[in-house]
Amino acid sequence: FSEILRDVEELNRMARDSGLDITKASFHAYGHLRDRYVLLRSGGA
């Protein structure tokens, strides 16, 4: 695993660009990303 540490809003933007294999994201952001990402059952807040 190659970790990339960023502020959550930057991670949200990176996820919108499909830039990460696995990522933390706000659930708000995930509402816009459900076509590209699945949600994991572990690791959330």
ModelCIF file with pLDDT and N, C-alpha, C, O atoms, coordinates in Angstrom:
data_MODEL
#
_entry.id   MODEL 
#
_entity.id                         1 
_entity.type                       polymer 
_entity.pdbx_number_of_molecules   1 
#
_entity_poly.entity_id                      1 
_entity_poly.type                           'polypeptide(L)' 
_entity_poly.nstd_linkage                   no 
_entity_poly.nstd_monomer                   no 
_entity_poly.pdbx_seq_one_letter_code       FSEILRDVEELNRMARDSGLDITKASFHAYGHLRDRYVLLRSGGA 
_entity_poly.pdbx_seq_one_letter_code_can   FSEILRDVEELNRMARDSGLDITKASFHAYGHLRDRYVLLRSGGA 
_entity_poly.pdbx_strand_id                 A 
#
loop_
_entity_poly_seq.entity_id 
_entity_poly_seq.num 
_entity_poly_seq.mon_id 
_entity_poly_seq.hetero 
1 1  PHE n 
1 2  SER n 
1 3  GLU n 
1 4  ILE n 
1 5  LEU n 
1 6  ARG n 
1 7  ASP n 
1 8  VAL n 
1 9  GLU n 
1 10 GLU n 
1 11 LEU n 
1 12 ASN n 
1 13 ARG n 
1 14 MET n 
1 15 ALA n 
1 16 ARG n 
1 17 ASP n 
1 18 SER n 
1 19 GLY n 
1 20 LEU n 
1 21 ASP n 
1 22 ILE n 
1 23 THR n 
1 24 LYS n 
1 25 ALA n 
1 26 SER n 
1 27 PHE n 
1 28 HIS n 
1 29 ALA n 
1 30 TYR n 
1 31 GLY n 
1 32 HIS n 
1 33 LEU n 
1 34 ARG n 
1 35 ASP n 
1 36 ARG n 
1 37 TYR n 
1 38 VAL n 
1 39 LEU n 
1 40 LEU n 
1 41 ARG n 
1 42 SER n 
1 43 GLY n 
1 44 GLY n 
1 45 ALA n 
#
_struct_asym.id          A 
_struct_asym.entity_id   1 
#
loop_
_ma_qa_metric.id 
_ma_qa_metric.mode 
_ma_qa_metric.name 
_ma_qa_metric.software_group_id 
_ma_qa_metric.type 
1 global pLDDT . pLDDT 
2 local  pLDDT . pLDDT 
#
_ma_qa_metric_global.metric_id      1 
_ma_qa_metric_global.metric_value   93.76 
_ma_qa_metric_global.model_id       1 
_ma_qa_metric_global.ordinal_id     1 
#
loop_
_ma_qa_metric_local.label_asym_id 
_ma_qa_metric_local.label_comp_id 
_ma_qa_metric_local.label_seq_id 
_ma_qa_metric_local.metric_id 
_ma_qa_metric_local.metric_value 
_ma_qa_metric_local.model_id 
_ma_qa_metric_local.ordinal_id 
A PHE 1  2 96.00 1 1  
A SER 2  2 95.00 1 2  
A GLU 3  2 94.00 1 3  
A ILE 4  2 96.00 1 4  
A LEU 5  2 96.00 1 5  
A ARG 6  2 93.00 1 6  
A ASP 7  2 88.00 1 7  
A VAL 8  2 88.00 1 8  
A GLU 9  2 88.00 1 9  
A GLU 10 2 92.00 1 10 
A LEU 11 2 93.00 1 11 
A ASN 12 2 92.00 1 12 
A ARG 13 2 91.00 1 13 
A MET 14 2 92.00 1 14 
A ALA 15 2 91.00 1 15 
A ARG 16 2 88.00 1 16 
A ASP 17 2 87.00 1 17 
A SER 18 2 77.00 1 18 
A GLY 19 2 79.00 1 19 
A LEU 20 2 94.00 1 20 
A ASP 21 2 96.00 1 21 
A ILE 22 2 98.00 1 22 
A THR 23 2 97.00 1 23 
A LYS 24 2 97.00 1 24 
A ALA 25 2 96.00 1 25 
A SER 26 2 96.00 1 26 
A PHE 27 2 97.00 1 27 
A HIS 28 2 97.00 1 28 
A ALA 29 2 96.00 1 29 
A TYR 30 2 97.00 1 30 
A GLY 31 2 97.00 1 31 
A HIS 32 2 96.00 1 32 
A LEU 33 2 95.00 1 33 
A ARG 34 2 95.00 1 34 
A ASP 35 2 93.00 1 35 
A ARG 36 2 94.00 1 36 
A TYR 37 2 96.00 1 37 
A VAL 38 2 97.00 1 38 
A LEU 39 2 98.00 1 39 
A LEU 40 2 98.00 1 40 
A ARG 41 2 97.00 1 41 
A SER 42 2 98.00 1 42 
A GLY 43 2 97.00 1 43 
A GLY 44 2 96.00 1 44 
A ALA 45 2 95.00 1 45 
#
loop_
_atom_site.group_PDB 
_atom_site.id 
_atom_site.type_symbol 
_atom_site.label_atom_id 
_atom_site.label_alt_id 
_atom_site.label_comp_id 
_atom_site.label_asym_id 
_atom_site.label_entity_id 
_atom_site.label_seq_id 
_atom_site.pdbx_PDB_ins_code 
_atom_site.Cartn_x 
_atom_site.Cartn_y 
_atom_site.Cartn_z 
_atom_site.occupancy 
_atom_site.B_iso_or_equiv 
_atom_site.pdbx_formal_charge 
_atom_site.auth_seq_id 
_atom_site.auth_comp_id 
_atom_site.auth_asym_id 
_atom_site.auth_atom_id 
_atom_site.pdbx_PDB_model_num 
ATOM 1   N N  . PHE A 1 1  ? 0.828   -1.190 0.000   1.00 96.00 ? 1  PHE A N  1 
ATOM 2   C CA . PHE A 1 1  ? 0.000   0.000  0.000   1.00 96.00 ? 1  PHE A CA 1 
ATOM 3   C C  . PHE A 1 1  ? 0.872   1.253  0.000   1.00 96.00 ? 1  PHE A C  1 
ATOM 4   O O  . PHE A 1 1  ? 1.711   1.441  0.881   1.00 96.00 ? 1  PHE A O  1 
ATOM 5   N N  . SER A 1 2  ? 0.663   2.102  -0.995  1.00 95.00 ? 2  SER A N  1 
ATOM 6   C CA . SER A 1 2  ? 1.376   3.387  -1.066  1.00 95.00 ? 2  SER A CA 1 
ATOM 7   C C  . SER A 1 2  ? 0.459   4.462  -0.517  1.00 95.00 ? 2  SER A C  1 
ATOM 8   O O  . SER A 1 2  ? -0.505  4.865  -1.169  1.00 95.00 ? 2  SER A O  1 
ATOM 9   N N  . GLU A 1 3  ? 0.768   4.929  0.700   1.00 94.00 ? 3  GLU A N  1 
ATOM 10  C CA . GLU A 1 3  ? -0.148  5.869  1.343   1.00 94.00 ? 3  GLU A CA 1 
ATOM 11  C C  . GLU A 1 3  ? 0.041   7.281  0.813   1.00 94.00 ? 3  GLU A C  1 
ATOM 12  O O  . GLU A 1 3  ? 1.159   7.718  0.542   1.00 94.00 ? 3  GLU A O  1 
ATOM 13  N N  . ILE A 1 4  ? -1.075  7.981  0.672   1.00 96.00 ? 4  ILE A N  1 
ATOM 14  C CA . ILE A 1 4  ? -1.120  9.368  0.229   1.00 96.00 ? 4  ILE A CA 1 
ATOM 15  C C  . ILE A 1 4  ? -1.957  10.123 1.255   1.00 96.00 ? 4  ILE A C  1 
ATOM 16  O O  . ILE A 1 4  ? -3.172  9.941  1.323   1.00 96.00 ? 4  ILE A O  1 
ATOM 17  N N  . LEU A 1 5  ? -1.313  10.966 2.050   1.00 96.00 ? 5  LEU A N  1 
ATOM 18  C CA . LEU A 1 5  ? -2.015  11.685 3.117   1.00 96.00 ? 5  LEU A CA 1 
ATOM 19  C C  . LEU A 1 5  ? -2.378  13.080 2.640   1.00 96.00 ? 5  LEU A C  1 
ATOM 20  O O  . LEU A 1 5  ? -1.506  13.871 2.280   1.00 96.00 ? 5  LEU A O  1 
ATOM 21  N N  . ARG A 1 6  ? -3.660  13.372 2.639   1.00 93.00 ? 6  ARG A N  1 
ATOM 22  C CA . ARG A 1 6  ? -4.164  14.662 2.194   1.00 93.00 ? 6  ARG A CA 1 
ATOM 23  C C  . ARG A 1 6  ? -5.356  15.080 3.057   1.00 93.00 ? 6  ARG A C  1 
ATOM 24  O O  . ARG A 1 6  ? -6.005  14.239 3.680   1.00 93.00 ? 6  ARG A O  1 
ATOM 25  N N  . ASP A 1 7  ? -5.635  16.366 3.088   1.00 88.00 ? 7  ASP A N  1 
ATOM 26  C CA . ASP A 1 7  ? -6.856  16.864 3.712   1.00 88.00 ? 7  ASP A CA 1 
ATOM 27  C C  . ASP A 1 7  ? -8.052  16.177 3.062   1.00 88.00 ? 7  ASP A C  1 
ATOM 28  O O  . ASP A 1 7  ? -8.025  15.852 1.875   1.00 88.00 ? 7  ASP A O  1 
ATOM 29  N N  . VAL A 1 8  ? -9.113  15.958 3.864   1.00 88.00 ? 8  VAL A N  1 
ATOM 30  C CA . VAL A 1 8  ? -10.245 15.181 3.380   1.00 88.00 ? 8  VAL A CA 1 
ATOM 31  C C  . VAL A 1 8  ? -10.875 15.789 2.134   1.00 88.00 ? 8  VAL A C  1 
ATOM 32  O O  . VAL A 1 8  ? -11.323 15.050 1.257   1.00 88.00 ? 8  VAL A O  1 
ATOM 33  N N  . GLU A 1 9  ? -10.923 17.113 2.031   1.00 88.00 ? 9  GLU A N  1 
ATOM 34  C CA . GLU A 1 9  ? -11.529 17.716 0.840   1.00 88.00 ? 9  GLU A CA 1 
ATOM 35  C C  . GLU A 1 9  ? -10.667 17.473 -0.391  1.00 88.00 ? 9  GLU A C  1 
ATOM 36  O O  . GLU A 1 9  ? -11.194 17.320 -1.493  1.00 88.00 ? 9  GLU A O  1 
ATOM 37  N N  . GLU A 1 10 ? -9.345  17.434 -0.220  1.00 92.00 ? 10 GLU A N  1 
ATOM 38  C CA . GLU A 1 10 ? -8.476  17.111 -1.346  1.00 92.00 ? 10 GLU A CA 1 
ATOM 39  C C  . GLU A 1 10 ? -8.656  15.650 -1.750  1.00 92.00 ? 10 GLU A C  1 
ATOM 40  O O  . GLU A 1 10 ? -8.646  15.331 -2.940  1.00 92.00 ? 10 GLU A O  1 
ATOM 41  N N  . LEU A 1 11 ? -8.819  14.766 -0.778  1.00 93.00 ? 11 LEU A N  1 
ATOM 42  C CA . LEU A 1 11 ? -9.108  13.365 -1.096  1.00 93.00 ? 11 LEU A CA 1 
ATOM 43  C C  . LEU A 1 11 ? -10.436 13.243 -1.845  1.00 93.00 ? 11 LEU A C  1 
ATOM 44  O O  . LEU A 1 11 ? -10.555 12.450 -2.779  1.00 93.00 ? 11 LEU A O  1 
ATOM 45  N N  . ASN A 1 12 ? -11.425 14.024 -1.436  1.00 92.00 ? 12 ASN A N  1 
ATOM 46  C CA . ASN A 1 12 ? -12.706 14.018 -2.145  1.00 92.00 ? 12 ASN A CA 1 
ATOM 47  C C  . ASN A 1 12 ? -12.517 14.376 -3.618  1.00 92.00 ? 12 ASN A C  1 
ATOM 48  O O  . ASN A 1 12 ? -13.082 13.734 -4.502  1.00 92.00 ? 12 ASN A O  1 
ATOM 49  N N  . ARG A 1 13 ? -11.716 15.408 -3.867  1.00 91.00 ? 13 ARG A N  1 
ATOM 50  C CA . ARG A 1 13 ? -11.475 15.836 -5.253  1.00 91.00 ? 13 ARG A CA 1 
ATOM 51  C C  . ARG A 1 13 ? -10.687 14.777 -6.024  1.00 91.00 ? 13 ARG A C  1 
ATOM 52  O O  . ARG A 1 13 ? -10.982 14.507 -7.188  1.00 91.00 ? 13 ARG A O  1 
ATOM 53  N N  . MET A 1 14 ? -9.689  14.180 -5.376  1.00 92.00 ? 14 MET A N  1 
ATOM 54  C CA . MET A 1 14 ? -8.897  13.141 -6.038  1.00 92.00 ? 14 MET A CA 1 
ATOM 55  C C  . MET A 1 14 ? -9.765  11.939 -6.402  1.00 92.00 ? 14 MET A C  1 
ATOM 56  O O  . MET A 1 14 ? -9.598  11.339 -7.464  1.00 92.00 ? 14 MET A O  1 
ATOM 57  N N  . ALA A 1 15 ? -10.698 11.592 -5.504  1.00 91.00 ? 15 ALA A N  1 
ATOM 58  C CA . ALA A 1 15 ? -11.599 10.479 -5.786  1.00 91.00 ? 15 ALA A CA 1 
ATOM 59  C C  . ALA A 1 15 ? -12.506 10.814 -6.964  1.00 91.00 ? 15 ALA A C  1 
ATOM 60  O O  . ALA A 1 15 ? -12.802 9.947  -7.785  1.00 91.00 ? 15 ALA A O  1 
ATOM 61  N N  . ARG A 1 16 ? -12.949 12.070 -7.051  1.00 88.00 ? 16 ARG A N  1 
ATOM 62  C CA . ARG A 1 16 ? -13.796 12.473 -8.186  1.00 88.00 ? 16 ARG A CA 1 
ATOM 63  C C  . ARG A 1 16 ? -13.046 12.349 -9.500  1.00 88.00 ? 16 ARG A C  1 
ATOM 64  O O  . ARG A 1 16 ? -13.654 12.135 -10.548 1.00 88.00 ? 16 ARG A O  1 
ATOM 65  N N  . ASP A 1 17 ? -11.718 12.485 -9.447  1.00 87.00 ? 17 ASP A N  1 
ATOM 66  C CA . ASP A 1 17 ? -10.885 12.308 -10.642 1.00 87.00 ? 17 ASP A CA 1 
ATOM 67  C C  . ASP A 1 17 ? -10.449 10.860 -10.807 1.00 87.00 ? 17 ASP A C  1 
ATOM 68  O O  . ASP A 1 17 ? -9.636  10.546 -11.676 1.00 87.00 ? 17 ASP A O  1 
ATOM 69  N N  . SER A 1 18 ? -10.997 9.968  -9.961  1.00 77.00 ? 18 SER A N  1 
ATOM 70  C CA . SER A 1 18 ? -10.641 8.533  -9.982  1.00 77.00 ? 18 SER A CA 1 
ATOM 71  C C  . SER A 1 18 ? -9.141  8.337  -9.841  1.00 77.00 ? 18 SER A C  1 
ATOM 72  O O  . SER A 1 18 ? -8.556  7.487  -10.513 1.00 77.00 ? 18 SER A O  1 
ATOM 73  N N  . GLY A 1 19 ? -8.519  9.119  -8.973  1.00 79.00 ? 19 GLY A N  1 
ATOM 74  C CA . GLY A 1 19 ? -7.070  9.089  -8.856  1.00 79.00 ? 19 GLY A CA 1 
ATOM 75  C C  . GLY A 1 19 ? -6.500  8.107  -7.859  1.00 79.00 ? 19 GLY A C  1 
ATOM 76  O O  . GLY A 1 19 ? -5.280  7.988  -7.754  1.00 79.00 ? 19 GLY A O  1 
ATOM 77  N N  . LEU A 1 20 ? -7.345  7.395  -7.117  1.00 94.00 ? 20 LEU A N  1 
ATOM 78  C CA . LEU A 1 20 ? -6.856  6.508  -6.077  1.00 94.00 ? 20 LEU A CA 1 
ATOM 79  C C  . LEU A 1 20 ? -7.549  5.150  -6.135  1.00 94.00 ? 20 LEU A C  1 
ATOM 80  O O  . LEU A 1 20 ? -8.735  5.063  -6.453  1.00 94.00 ? 20 LEU A O  1 
ATOM 81  N N  . ASP A 1 21 ? -6.800  4.090  -5.826  1.00 96.00 ? 21 ASP A N  1 
ATOM 82  C CA . ASP A 1 21 ? -7.395  2.747  -5.782  1.00 96.00 ? 21 ASP A CA 1 
ATOM 83  C C  . ASP A 1 21 ? -8.329  2.603  -4.587  1.00 96.00 ? 21 ASP A C  1 
ATOM 84  O O  . ASP A 1 21 ? -9.451  2.113  -4.713  1.00 96.00 ? 21 ASP A O  1 
ATOM 85  N N  . ILE A 1 22 ? -7.843  3.042  -3.419  1.00 98.00 ? 22 ILE A N  1 
ATOM 86  C CA . ILE A 1 22 ? -8.619  2.988  -2.181  1.00 98.00 ? 22 ILE A CA 1 
ATOM 87  C C  . ILE A 1 22 ? -8.466  4.351  -1.526  1.00 98.00 ? 22 ILE A C  1 
ATOM 88  O O  . ILE A 1 22 ? -7.371  4.913  -1.514  1.00 98.00 ? 22 ILE A O  1 
ATOM 89  N N  . THR A 1 23 ? -9.534  4.880  -0.990  1.00 97.00 ? 23 THR A N  1 
ATOM 90  C CA . THR A 1 23 ? -9.417  6.198  -0.376  1.00 97.00 ? 23 THR A CA 1 
ATOM 91  C C  . THR A 1 23 ? -10.474 6.450  0.681   1.00 97.00 ? 23 THR A C  1 
ATOM 92  O O  . THR A 1 23 ? -11.597 5.955  0.592   1.00 97.00 ? 23 THR A O  1 
ATOM 93  N N  . LYS A 1 24 ? -10.098 7.224  1.676   1.00 97.00 ? 24 LYS A N  1 
ATOM 94  C CA . LYS A 1 24 ? -11.065 7.808  2.593   1.00 97.00 ? 24 LYS A CA 1 
ATOM 95  C C  . LYS A 1 24 ? -11.764 8.932  1.835   1.00 97.00 ? 24 LYS A C  1 
ATOM 96  O O  . LYS A 1 24 ? -11.127 9.665  1.079   1.00 97.00 ? 24 LYS A O  1 
ATOM 97  N N  . ALA A 1 25 ? -13.055 9.065  2.035   1.00 96.00 ? 25 ALA A N  1 
ATOM 98  C CA . ALA A 1 25 ? -13.807 10.165 1.435   1.00 96.00 ? 25 ALA A CA 1 
ATOM 99  C C  . ALA A 1 25 ? -14.981 10.501 2.329   1.00 96.00 ? 25 ALA A C  1 
ATOM 100 O O  . ALA A 1 25 ? -15.474 9.651  3.072   1.00 96.00 ? 25 ALA A O  1 
ATOM 101 N N  . SER A 1 26 ? -15.424 11.732 2.255   1.00 96.00 ? 26 SER A N  1 
ATOM 102 C CA . SER A 1 26 ? -16.638 12.121 2.956   1.00 96.00 ? 26 SER A CA 1 
ATOM 103 C C  . SER A 1 26 ? -17.822 11.372 2.343   1.00 96.00 ? 26 SER A C  1 
ATOM 104 O O  . SER A 1 26 ? -17.830 11.090 1.145   1.00 96.00 ? 26 SER A O  1 
ATOM 105 N N  . PHE A 1 27 ? -18.815 11.053 3.164   1.00 97.00 ? 27 PHE A N  1 
ATOM 106 C CA . PHE A 1 27 ? -20.005 10.422 2.605   1.00 97.00 ? 27 PHE A CA 1 
ATOM 107 C C  . PHE A 1 27 ? -20.719 11.357 1.639   1.00 97.00 ? 27 PHE A C  1 
ATOM 108 O O  . PHE A 1 27 ? -21.366 10.898 0.698   1.00 97.00 ? 27 PHE A O  1 
ATOM 109 N N  . HIS A 1 28 ? -20.608 12.664 1.861   1.00 97.00 ? 28 HIS A N  1 
ATOM 110 C CA . HIS A 1 28 ? -21.165 13.602 0.893   1.00 97.00 ? 28 HIS A CA 1 
ATOM 111 C C  . HIS A 1 28 ? -20.527 13.387 -0.476  1.00 97.00 ? 28 HIS A C  1 
ATOM 112 O O  . HIS A 1 28 ? -21.223 13.278 -1.486  1.00 97.00 ? 28 HIS A O  1 
ATOM 113 N N  . ALA A 1 29 ? -19.190 13.326 -0.498  1.00 96.00 ? 29 ALA A N  1 
ATOM 114 C CA . ALA A 1 29 ? -18.490 13.099 -1.761  1.00 96.00 ? 29 ALA A CA 1 
ATOM 115 C C  . ALA A 1 29 ? -18.880 11.759 -2.364  1.00 96.00 ? 29 ALA A C  1 
ATOM 116 O O  . ALA A 1 29 ? -19.078 11.646 -3.574  1.00 96.00 ? 29 ALA A O  1 
ATOM 117 N N  . TYR A 1 30 ? -18.989 10.737 -1.506  1.00 97.00 ? 30 TYR A N  1 
ATOM 118 C CA . TYR A 1 30 ? -19.342 9.413  -2.027  1.00 97.00 ? 30 TYR A CA 1 
ATOM 119 C C  . TYR A 1 30 ? -20.719 9.419  -2.696  1.00 97.00 ? 30 TYR A C  1 
ATOM 120 O O  . TYR A 1 30 ? -20.972 8.629  -3.605  1.00 97.00 ? 30 TYR A O  1 
ATOM 121 N N  . GLY A 1 31 ? -21.598 10.303 -2.251  1.00 97.00 ? 31 GLY A N  1 
ATOM 122 C CA . GLY A 1 31 ? -22.884 10.426 -2.910  1.00 97.00 ? 31 GLY A CA 1 
ATOM 123 C C  . GLY A 1 31 ? -22.769 10.752 -4.393  1.00 97.00 ? 31 GLY A C  1 
ATOM 124 O O  . GLY A 1 31 ? -23.671 10.446 -5.172  1.00 97.00 ? 31 GLY A O  1 
ATOM 125 N N  . HIS A 1 32 ? -21.648 11.378 -4.785  1.00 96.00 ? 32 HIS A N  1 
ATOM 126 C CA . HIS A 1 32 ? -21.394 11.711 -6.191  1.00 96.00 ? 32 HIS A CA 1 
ATOM 127 C C  . HIS A 1 32 ? -20.494 10.682 -6.878  1.00 96.00 ? 32 HIS A C  1 
ATOM 128 O O  . HIS A 1 32 ? -20.211 10.807 -8.069  1.00 96.00 ? 32 HIS A O  1 
ATOM 129 N N  . LEU A 1 33 ? -20.045 9.669  -6.138  1.00 95.00 ? 33 LEU A N  1 
ATOM 130 C CA . LEU A 1 33 ? -19.027 8.742  -6.651  1.00 95.00 ? 33 LEU A CA 1 
ATOM 131 C C  . LEU A 1 33 ? -19.488 7.291  -6.705  1.00 95.00 ? 33 LEU A C  1 
ATOM 132 O O  . LEU A 1 33 ? -18.683 6.393  -6.952  1.00 95.00 ? 33 LEU A O  1 
ATOM 133 N N  . ARG A 1 34 ? -20.774 7.056  -6.478  1.00 95.00 ? 34 ARG A N  1 
ATOM 134 C CA . ARG A 1 34 ? -21.245 5.683  -6.350  1.00 95.00 ? 34 ARG A CA 1 
ATOM 135 C C  . ARG A 1 34 ? -21.148 4.889  -7.643  1.00 95.00 ? 34 ARG A C  1 
ATOM 136 O O  . ARG A 1 34 ? -21.193 3.659  -7.622  1.00 95.00 ? 34 ARG A O  1 
ATOM 137 N N  . ASP A 1 35 ? -21.017 5.579  -8.763  1.00 93.00 ? 35 ASP A N  1 
ATOM 138 C CA . ASP A 1 35 ? -20.849 4.873  -10.039 1.00 93.00 ? 35 ASP A CA 1 
ATOM 139 C C  . ASP A 1 35 ? -19.419 4.387  -10.235 1.00 93.00 ? 35 ASP A C  1 
ATOM 140 O O  . ASP A 1 35 ? -19.164 3.531  -11.083 1.00 93.00 ? 35 ASP A O  1 
ATOM 141 N N  . ARG A 1 36 ? -18.477 4.932  -9.450  1.00 94.00 ? 36 ARG A N  1 
ATOM 142 C CA . ARG A 1 36 ? -17.056 4.597  -9.642  1.00 94.00 ? 36 ARG A CA 1 
ATOM 143 C C  . ARG A 1 36 ? -16.423 3.830  -8.486  1.00 94.00 ? 36 ARG A C  1 
ATOM 144 O O  . ARG A 1 36 ? -15.414 3.146  -8.663  1.00 94.00 ? 36 ARG A O  1 
ATOM 145 N N  . TYR A 1 37 ? -17.019 3.947  -7.303  1.00 96.00 ? 37 TYR A N  1 
ATOM 146 C CA . TYR A 1 37 ? -16.433 3.315  -6.120  1.00 96.00 ? 37 TYR A CA 1 
ATOM 147 C C  . TYR A 1 37 ? -17.486 2.524  -5.342  1.00 96.00 ? 37 TYR A C  1 
ATOM 148 O O  . TYR A 1 37 ? -18.668 2.869  -5.328  1.00 96.00 ? 37 TYR A O  1 
ATOM 149 N N  . VAL A 1 38 ? -17.019 1.456  -4.698  1.00 97.00 ? 38 VAL A N  1 
ATOM 150 C CA . VAL A 1 38 ? -17.844 0.743  -3.717  1.00 97.00 ? 38 VAL A CA 1 
ATOM 151 C C  . VAL A 1 38 ? -17.383 1.170  -2.323  1.00 97.00 ? 38 VAL A C  1 
ATOM 152 O O  . VAL A 1 38 ? -16.263 1.647  -2.135  1.00 97.00 ? 38 VAL A O  1 
ATOM 153 N N  . LEU A 1 39 ? -18.265 0.987  -1.370  1.00 98.00 ? 39 LEU A N  1 
ATOM 154 C CA . LEU A 1 39 ? -17.973 1.328  0.014   1.00 98.00 ? 39 LEU A CA 1 
ATOM 155 C C  . LEU A 1 39 ? -17.487 0.097  0.768   1.00 98.00 ? 39 LEU A C  1 
ATOM 156 O O  . LEU A 1 39 ? -18.065 -0.982 0.641   1.00 98.00 ? 39 LEU A O  1 
ATOM 157 N N  . LEU A 1 40 ? -16.427 0.260  1.549   1.00 98.00 ? 40 LEU A N  1 
ATOM 158 C CA . LEU A 1 40 ? -15.942 -0.830 2.392   1.00 98.00 ? 40 LEU A CA 1 
ATOM 159 C C  . LEU A 1 40 ? -16.632 -0.769 3.751   1.00 98.00 ? 40 LEU A C  1 
ATOM 160 O O  . LEU A 1 40 ? -17.026 0.307  4.202   1.00 98.00 ? 40 LEU A O  1 
ATOM 161 N N  . ARG A 1 41 ? -16.777 -1.903 4.392   1.00 97.00 ? 41 ARG A N  1 
ATOM 162 C CA . ARG A 1 41 ? -17.441 -1.963 5.690   1.00 97.00 ? 41 ARG A CA 1 
ATOM 163 C C  . ARG A 1 41 ? -16.511 -1.584 6.832   1.00 97.00 ? 41 ARG A C  1 
ATOM 164 O O  . ARG A 1 41 ? -16.969 -1.347 7.950   1.00 97.00 ? 41 ARG A O  1 
ATOM 165 N N  . SER A 1 42 ? -15.213 -1.524 6.564   1.00 98.00 ? 42 SER A N  1 
ATOM 166 C CA . SER A 1 42 ? -14.235 -1.217 7.618   1.00 98.00 ? 42 SER A CA 1 
ATOM 167 C C  . SER A 1 42 ? -13.532 0.105  7.331   1.00 98.00 ? 42 SER A C  1 
ATOM 168 O O  . SER A 1 42 ? -13.383 0.508  6.177   1.00 98.00 ? 42 SER A O  1 
ATOM 169 N N  . GLY A 1 43 ? -13.098 0.780  8.417   1.00 97.00 ? 43 GLY A N  1 
ATOM 170 C CA . GLY A 1 43 ? -12.248 1.956  8.287   1.00 97.00 ? 43 GLY A CA 1 
ATOM 171 C C  . GLY A 1 43 ? -12.961 3.287  8.291   1.00 97.00 ? 43 GLY A C  1 
ATOM 172 O O  . GLY A 1 43 ? -12.309 4.330  8.249   1.00 97.00 ? 43 GLY A O  1 
ATOM 173 N N  . GLY A 1 44 ? -14.281 3.284  8.342   1.00 96.00 ? 44 GLY A N  1 
ATOM 174 C CA . GLY A 1 44 ? -15.027 4.526  8.239   1.00 96.00 ? 44 GLY A CA 1 
ATOM 175 C C  . GLY A 1 44 ? -15.138 5.289  9.542   1.00 96.00 ? 44 GLY A C  1 
ATOM 176 O O  . GLY A 1 44 ? -14.700 4.826  10.595  1.00 96.00 ? 44 GLY A O  1 
ATOM 177 N N  . ALA A 1 45 ? -15.739 6.476  9.448   1.00 95.00 ? 45 ALA A N  1 
ATOM 178 C CA . ALA A 1 45 ? -15.967 7.337  10.613  1.00 95.00 ? 45 ALA A CA 1 
ATOM 179 C C  . ALA A 1 45 ? -17.467 7.563  10.771  1.00 95.00 ? 45 ALA A C  1 
ATOM 180 O O  . ALA A 1 45 ? -17.893 8.261  11.691  1.00 95.00 ? 45 ALA A O  1 
#
